[in-house]
Protein backbone atom coordinates (compact mmCIF):
# COMPACT_ATOMS: atom_id res chain seq x y z
CA UNK A 1 -8.55 20.77 12.65
CA UNK A 2 -9.45 17.88 14.17
CA UNK A 3 -10.79 19.55 17.81
CA UNK A 4 -12.66 17.15 19.60
CA UNK A 5 -11.90 14.33 18.06
CA UNK A 6 -11.01 10.75 19.35
CA UNK A 7 -8.73 8.72 17.46
CA UNK A 8 -7.00 5.72 18.30
CA UNK A 9 -3.38 4.35 16.51
CA UNK A 10 -2.85 0.92 16.89
CA UNK A 11 0.05 -0.72 15.58
CA UNK A 12 1.66 -0.61 12.56
CA UNK A 13 5.57 0.77 10.82
CA UNK A 14 7.30 3.96 11.21
CA UNK A 15 4.09 5.30 8.71
CA UNK A 16 2.02 5.24 11.93
CA UNK A 17 4.63 8.14 13.42
CA UNK A 18 3.85 10.53 10.59
CA UNK A 19 -0.19 9.74 10.73
CA UNK A 20 0.41 10.05 14.80
CA UNK A 21 2.64 13.29 14.15
CA UNK A 22 -0.24 15.24 11.95
CA UNK A 23 -3.50 13.43 14.71
CA UNK A 24 -1.79 15.94 17.13
CA UNK A 25 -0.68 19.12 14.72
CA UNK A 26 -4.45 18.55 14.05
CA UNK A 27 -5.43 18.77 17.88
CA UNK A 28 -7.25 15.51 17.80
CA UNK A 29 -7.32 13.56 20.97
CA UNK A 30 -4.87 10.80 20.00
CA UNK A 31 -5.13 7.21 21.57
CA UNK A 32 -2.10 4.46 21.19
CA UNK A 33 -1.60 1.04 21.84
CA UNK A 34 1.46 -0.71 20.07
CA UNK A 35 3.90 2.01 20.48
CA UNK A 36 5.29 1.20 23.93
CA UNK A 37 9.15 1.11 22.77
CA UNK A 38 9.39 4.77 21.34
CA UNK A 39 10.61 5.78 24.59
CA UNK A 40 7.15 8.65 25.29
CA UNK A 41 8.04 10.01 22.46
CA UNK A 42 4.51 11.01 21.90
CA UNK A 43 3.83 12.88 25.04
CA UNK A 44 0.50 14.18 24.45
CA UNK A 45 -0.99 11.25 23.08
CA UNK A 46 -2.64 8.69 25.58
CA UNK A 47 -2.01 4.99 26.18
CA UNK A 48 -5.12 2.93 24.85
CA UNK A 49 -6.73 0.69 27.57
CA UNK A 50 -9.53 -1.44 26.02
CA UNK A 51 -11.07 -2.03 29.14
CA UNK A 52 -11.62 1.48 30.24
CA UNK A 53 -14.09 3.84 29.10
CA UNK A 54 -11.72 5.63 26.19
CA UNK A 55 -13.33 2.91 24.16
CA UNK A 56 -16.78 4.48 24.16
CA UNK A 57 -15.21 7.89 22.79
CA UNK A 58 -13.64 6.95 19.80
CA UNK A 59 -14.88 8.33 16.86
CA UNK A 60 -12.01 6.41 14.93
CA UNK A 61 -9.58 3.67 14.94
CA UNK A 62 -7.02 3.39 12.68
CA UNK A 63 -4.62 0.12 11.95
CA UNK A 64 -1.92 -0.50 10.40
CA UNK A 65 -1.78 -0.83 6.40
CA UNK A 66 -1.43 -4.22 7.47
CA UNK A 67 -4.53 -4.58 8.69
CA UNK A 68 -5.14 -7.22 11.20
CA UNK A 69 -4.06 -11.26 9.86
CA UNK A 70 -6.75 -13.91 10.41
CA UNK A 71 -6.88 -14.05 13.96
CA UNK A 72 -7.78 -10.72 14.76
CA UNK A 73 -4.09 -9.82 15.37
CA UNK A 74 -2.17 -6.65 15.20
CA UNK A 75 1.24 -6.49 14.55
CA UNK A 76 3.34 -3.31 15.17
CA UNK A 77 7.06 -3.21 15.10
CA UNK A 78 7.51 -0.60 18.19
CA UNK A 79 6.25 -3.43 20.44
CA UNK A 80 6.53 -6.58 21.50
CA UNK A 81 2.77 -6.97 23.28
CA UNK A 82 0.18 -9.09 21.21
CA UNK A 83 -2.95 -6.58 19.89
CA UNK A 84 -6.03 -7.99 19.83
CA UNK A 85 -8.94 -6.90 17.51
CA UNK A 86 -12.03 -8.70 18.77
CA UNK A 87 -15.65 -8.45 19.51
CA UNK A 88 -15.48 -7.70 23.28
CA UNK A 89 -14.24 -4.22 23.27
CA UNK A 90 -14.90 -3.13 19.47
CA UNK A 91 -18.41 -3.24 20.42
CA UNK A 92 -17.96 -0.91 22.86
CA UNK A 93 -17.33 1.97 20.55
CA UNK A 94 -19.81 4.31 19.07
CA UNK A 95 -21.61 3.50 16.79
CA UNK A 96 -19.99 6.23 14.59
CA UNK A 97 -16.55 5.12 15.05
CA UNK A 98 -14.87 4.25 11.73
CA UNK A 99 -12.27 1.35 10.95
CA UNK A 100 -9.55 2.68 8.74
CA UNK A 101 -7.25 -0.08 7.33
CA UNK A 102 -4.83 -0.09 4.44
CA UNK A 103 -6.09 -3.62 3.67
CA UNK A 104 -8.69 -5.90 4.71
CA UNK A 105 -9.23 -9.68 5.23
CA UNK A 106 -12.67 -12.20 5.61
CA UNK A 107 -11.63 -11.93 9.44
CA UNK A 108 -11.84 -7.62 9.31
CA UNK A 109 -15.01 -7.43 7.23
CA UNK A 110 -17.01 -10.22 8.87
CA UNK A 111 -16.23 -8.42 12.86
CA UNK A 112 -16.83 -5.01 11.41
CA UNK A 113 -20.28 -6.60 10.06
CA UNK A 114 -21.10 -8.02 13.38
CA UNK A 115 -20.16 -5.25 15.44
CA UNK A 116 -21.85 -2.53 12.53
CA UNK A 117 -19.33 -0.20 12.01
CA UNK A 118 -17.94 1.37 8.96
CA UNK A 119 -14.65 -0.02 7.04
CA UNK A 120 -12.60 1.46 5.26
CA UNK A 121 -9.66 -0.29 3.31
CA UNK A 122 -7.78 2.92 2.34
CA UNK A 123 -5.67 1.53 -0.20
CA UNK A 124 -8.51 0.25 -2.38
CA UNK A 125 -9.34 4.11 -2.61
CA UNK A 126 -8.59 5.80 -6.38
CA UNK A 127 -6.38 8.74 -3.85
CA UNK A 128 -4.22 6.98 -1.63
CA UNK A 129 -3.54 4.81 -4.70
CA UNK A 130 -2.58 7.66 -7.21
CA UNK A 131 -0.41 9.32 -4.05
CA UNK A 132 1.53 6.25 -2.82
CA UNK A 133 2.16 5.70 -6.29
CA UNK A 134 4.83 8.55 -6.44
CA UNK A 135 7.07 6.70 -3.64
CA UNK A 136 6.77 3.21 -5.25
CA UNK A 137 7.87 4.69 -8.20
CA UNK A 138 10.65 6.06 -6.97
CA UNK A 139 11.27 2.74 -4.75
CA UNK A 140 11.34 0.85 -8.04
CA UNK A 141 13.87 3.62 -9.26
CA UNK A 142 16.13 2.91 -6.21
CA UNK A 143 16.14 -0.96 -6.23
CA UNK A 144 17.02 -1.09 -10.13
CA UNK A 145 19.81 1.07 -9.99
CA UNK A 146 21.14 -0.82 -6.49
CA UNK A 147 20.94 -4.16 -8.92
CA UNK A 148 21.81 -3.58 -11.75
CA UNK A 149 25.50 -2.20 -13.75
CA UNK A 150 23.60 -0.75 -16.71
CA UNK A 151 21.81 2.46 -17.15
CA UNK A 152 17.90 2.93 -16.84
CA UNK A 153 18.92 5.24 -20.37
CA UNK A 154 18.60 3.04 -23.46
CA UNK A 155 17.61 -0.32 -21.48
CA UNK A 156 14.40 -2.23 -22.43
CA UNK A 157 11.84 -1.90 -19.50
CA UNK A 158 8.51 -3.71 -19.65
CA UNK A 159 5.89 -2.83 -17.47
CA UNK A 160 2.91 -5.39 -17.06
CA UNK A 161 0.07 -3.52 -16.38
CA UNK A 162 -1.29 -0.04 -16.85
CA UNK A 163 -3.11 0.99 -13.22
CA UNK A 164 -2.44 3.85 -10.97
CA UNK A 165 1.34 2.48 -10.49
CA UNK A 166 2.14 1.21 -13.83
CA UNK A 167 1.14 4.33 -14.97
CA UNK A 168 3.21 6.01 -12.95
CA UNK A 169 6.56 3.46 -13.69
CA UNK A 170 5.79 3.65 -17.96
CA UNK A 171 5.80 7.69 -17.89
CA UNK A 172 8.79 7.84 -15.69
CA UNK A 173 11.30 4.57 -17.08
CA UNK A 174 10.23 6.37 -20.48
CA UNK A 175 11.55 9.97 -19.36
CA UNK A 176 14.90 8.59 -18.31
CA UNK A 177 15.73 7.27 -21.98
CA UNK A 178 14.44 3.56 -21.11
CA UNK A 179 12.86 2.20 -24.43
CA UNK A 180 9.60 1.29 -22.70
CA UNK A 181 6.82 -1.40 -23.69
CA UNK A 182 3.01 -2.38 -21.98
CA UNK A 183 1.94 -5.79 -20.95
CA UNK A 184 -1.68 -4.82 -21.13
CA UNK A 185 -5.01 -6.81 -21.43
CA UNK A 186 -7.98 -4.49 -23.12
CA UNK A 187 -7.98 -2.04 -26.50
CA UNK A 188 -8.56 0.79 -24.64
CA UNK A 189 -5.42 -0.12 -22.55
CA UNK A 190 -3.37 -0.71 -25.44
CA UNK A 191 -4.80 2.62 -26.76
CA UNK A 192 -3.39 4.69 -23.80
CA UNK A 193 -0.20 2.77 -24.30
CA UNK A 194 0.14 3.89 -27.86
CA UNK A 195 -0.78 7.62 -27.02
CA UNK A 196 1.86 8.19 -24.68
CA UNK A 197 4.47 6.98 -27.06
CA UNK A 198 5.16 3.81 -25.70
CA UNK A 199 4.70 -0.36 -27.31
CA UNK A 200 1.75 -2.28 -26.26
CA UNK A 201 1.88 -5.56 -25.45
CA UNK A 202 -1.00 -8.05 -25.52
CA UNK A 203 -0.83 -10.06 -22.68
CA UNK A 204 -3.83 -12.19 -23.36
CA UNK A 205 -1.32 -13.73 -26.58
CA UNK A 206 2.32 -14.14 -24.83
CA UNK A 207 3.77 -16.25 -26.63
CA UNK A 208 3.58 -14.21 -29.67
CA UNK A 209 5.03 -11.25 -27.93
CA UNK A 210 8.95 -10.55 -27.33
CA UNK A 211 9.26 -9.85 -23.76
CA UNK A 212 13.16 -10.08 -24.41
CA UNK A 213 14.29 -7.14 -22.36
CA UNK A 214 16.49 -5.92 -19.49
CA UNK A 215 14.07 -4.62 -16.89
CA UNK A 216 11.05 -6.65 -15.87
CA UNK A 217 8.22 -4.92 -13.75
CA UNK A 218 5.45 -6.22 -12.57
CA UNK A 219 2.59 -4.46 -10.79
CA UNK A 220 -0.37 -7.48 -11.49
CA UNK A 221 -1.00 -9.42 -8.31
CA UNK A 222 -1.45 -12.79 -10.01
CA UNK A 223 1.30 -14.88 -11.03
CA UNK A 224 2.27 -13.26 -15.41
CA UNK A 225 5.60 -13.84 -15.20
CA UNK A 226 5.91 -17.36 -16.05
CA UNK A 227 8.21 -20.02 -17.35
CA UNK A 228 7.17 -18.61 -20.89
CA UNK A 229 8.23 -15.11 -20.52
CA UNK A 230 11.50 -16.10 -18.34
CA UNK A 231 12.85 -18.44 -20.77
CA UNK A 232 13.20 -15.02 -22.64
CA UNK A 233 14.55 -12.97 -20.47
CA UNK A 234 18.85 -12.32 -20.42
CA UNK A 235 20.62 -13.16 -18.00
CA UNK A 236 21.94 -9.65 -17.16
CA UNK A 237 17.74 -9.32 -16.57
CA UNK A 238 16.25 -8.04 -13.39
CA UNK A 239 12.78 -8.60 -12.21
CA UNK A 240 10.81 -6.47 -9.86
CA UNK A 241 7.78 -7.42 -8.85
CA UNK A 242 5.65 -4.76 -7.33
CA UNK A 243 2.47 -7.01 -6.48
CA UNK A 244 1.20 -7.95 -2.99
CA UNK A 245 2.68 -11.25 -1.63
CA UNK A 246 2.99 -13.85 -2.98
CA UNK A 247 3.53 -11.54 -6.15
CA UNK A 248 3.47 -12.65 -9.91
CA UNK A 249 6.46 -14.24 -10.85
CA UNK A 250 7.28 -17.75 -10.29
CA UNK A 251 10.22 -16.92 -8.25
CA UNK A 252 11.73 -20.76 -8.33
CA UNK A 253 11.89 -20.82 -12.18
CA UNK A 254 13.62 -17.28 -12.32
CA UNK A 255 16.35 -18.31 -9.85
CA UNK A 256 17.01 -22.01 -11.89
CA UNK A 257 17.67 -19.67 -15.18
CA UNK A 258 19.91 -17.55 -13.35
CA UNK A 259 17.99 -14.57 -13.12
CA UNK A 260 17.91 -12.26 -10.19
CA UNK A 261 13.94 -11.22 -9.00
CA UNK A 262 12.53 -9.51 -6.05
CA UNK A 263 9.21 -9.36 -4.65
CA UNK A 264 9.03 -5.83 -3.34
CA UNK A 265 5.85 -4.19 -2.40
CA UNK A 266 4.39 -2.13 -0.11
CA UNK A 267 7.48 0.29 -1.08
CA UNK A 268 6.08 3.75 0.28
CA UNK A 269 6.20 2.13 3.70
CA UNK A 270 9.66 1.52 2.72
CA UNK A 271 11.54 4.63 1.18
CA UNK A 272 9.77 6.98 2.27
CA UNK A 273 7.29 6.35 5.03
CA UNK A 274 6.59 9.98 6.41
CA UNK A 275 5.35 10.73 2.72
CA UNK A 276 3.24 7.61 2.95
CA UNK A 277 1.88 8.18 6.37
CA UNK A 278 0.93 11.88 5.59
CA UNK A 279 -0.99 10.21 3.07
CA UNK A 280 -3.00 8.60 5.58
CA UNK A 281 -3.24 11.06 7.43
CA UNK A 282 -4.62 13.68 5.15
CA UNK A 283 -7.09 11.17 3.66
CA UNK A 284 -8.33 10.01 7.38
CA UNK A 285 -8.91 13.79 8.13
CA UNK A 286 -10.34 14.63 5.47
CA UNK A 287 -12.85 11.38 5.89
CA UNK A 288 -13.26 11.92 9.30
CA UNK A 289 -14.33 15.94 8.82
CA UNK A 290 -16.58 14.71 5.48
CA UNK A 291 -18.21 12.29 8.08
CA UNK A 292 -19.05 15.02 10.93
CA UNK A 293 -20.24 17.90 8.21
CA UNK A 294 -22.21 14.71 7.30
CA UNK A 295 -23.64 13.93 10.69
CA UNK A 296 -24.45 17.60 11.27
CA UNK A 297 -26.57 18.20 8.01
CA UNK A 298 -28.65 15.54 8.73
CA UNK A 299 -29.92 16.61 12.18
């Protein structure tokens, strides 16, 4: 329970709806900005007025997964109003106020440093990333089924990267009967791929590797699916790039070769916003309770 906590939720997408619901269930005092088009769906919540004394009560501020832009503006799909996160009101929050964001940027880092507030980029946490890998894998399956005319079973699938998402993808496609190869750079990861009963691909020496496949899934956040790899793909192949924008694929070259390539970052918020919102809410709640417990023990 979060009785007595004061939490502001600012902007965002459908994931924030679930976060607000969970905060209300846990009896927190919830303040909202950027949700004026929801037709008063959350009657228990309070409209956040950054010019009022409300700001002085806040224990936490939850920003969208995308955070802010490089000028501190916050995007929200439930409002047409500009939301600006700046020093003038953030410094009026209590010193213990924690800022939660999905991802961060230089503006947000500099701002929170300047006002001496704790900033937690949730997508950098292993627990959030591992939980999010579940809807990411399901969303990837959905995309592939929608954009191919052949079964996953029996197809040749290459997954680039064996991180938290790559591991889930490799396991799932293998269980569905695909012939799975995984591109890795370290001998440790190659050993793990072998242990899983899959085929490792040495990404340090791609020119000597066979990259021909039916489905190519990239999870690496820099250019790896270049012309050298795309030239090896058959015309029916599908590339799904899950890396954050701009992705790790040479999309122009893929188009030139007639290869369908899809950039699909942020799948949890698209295919399962309720689950994705619950993941964030659970982690934020745990961190807030742990924070207060620590402060109590220090007194």
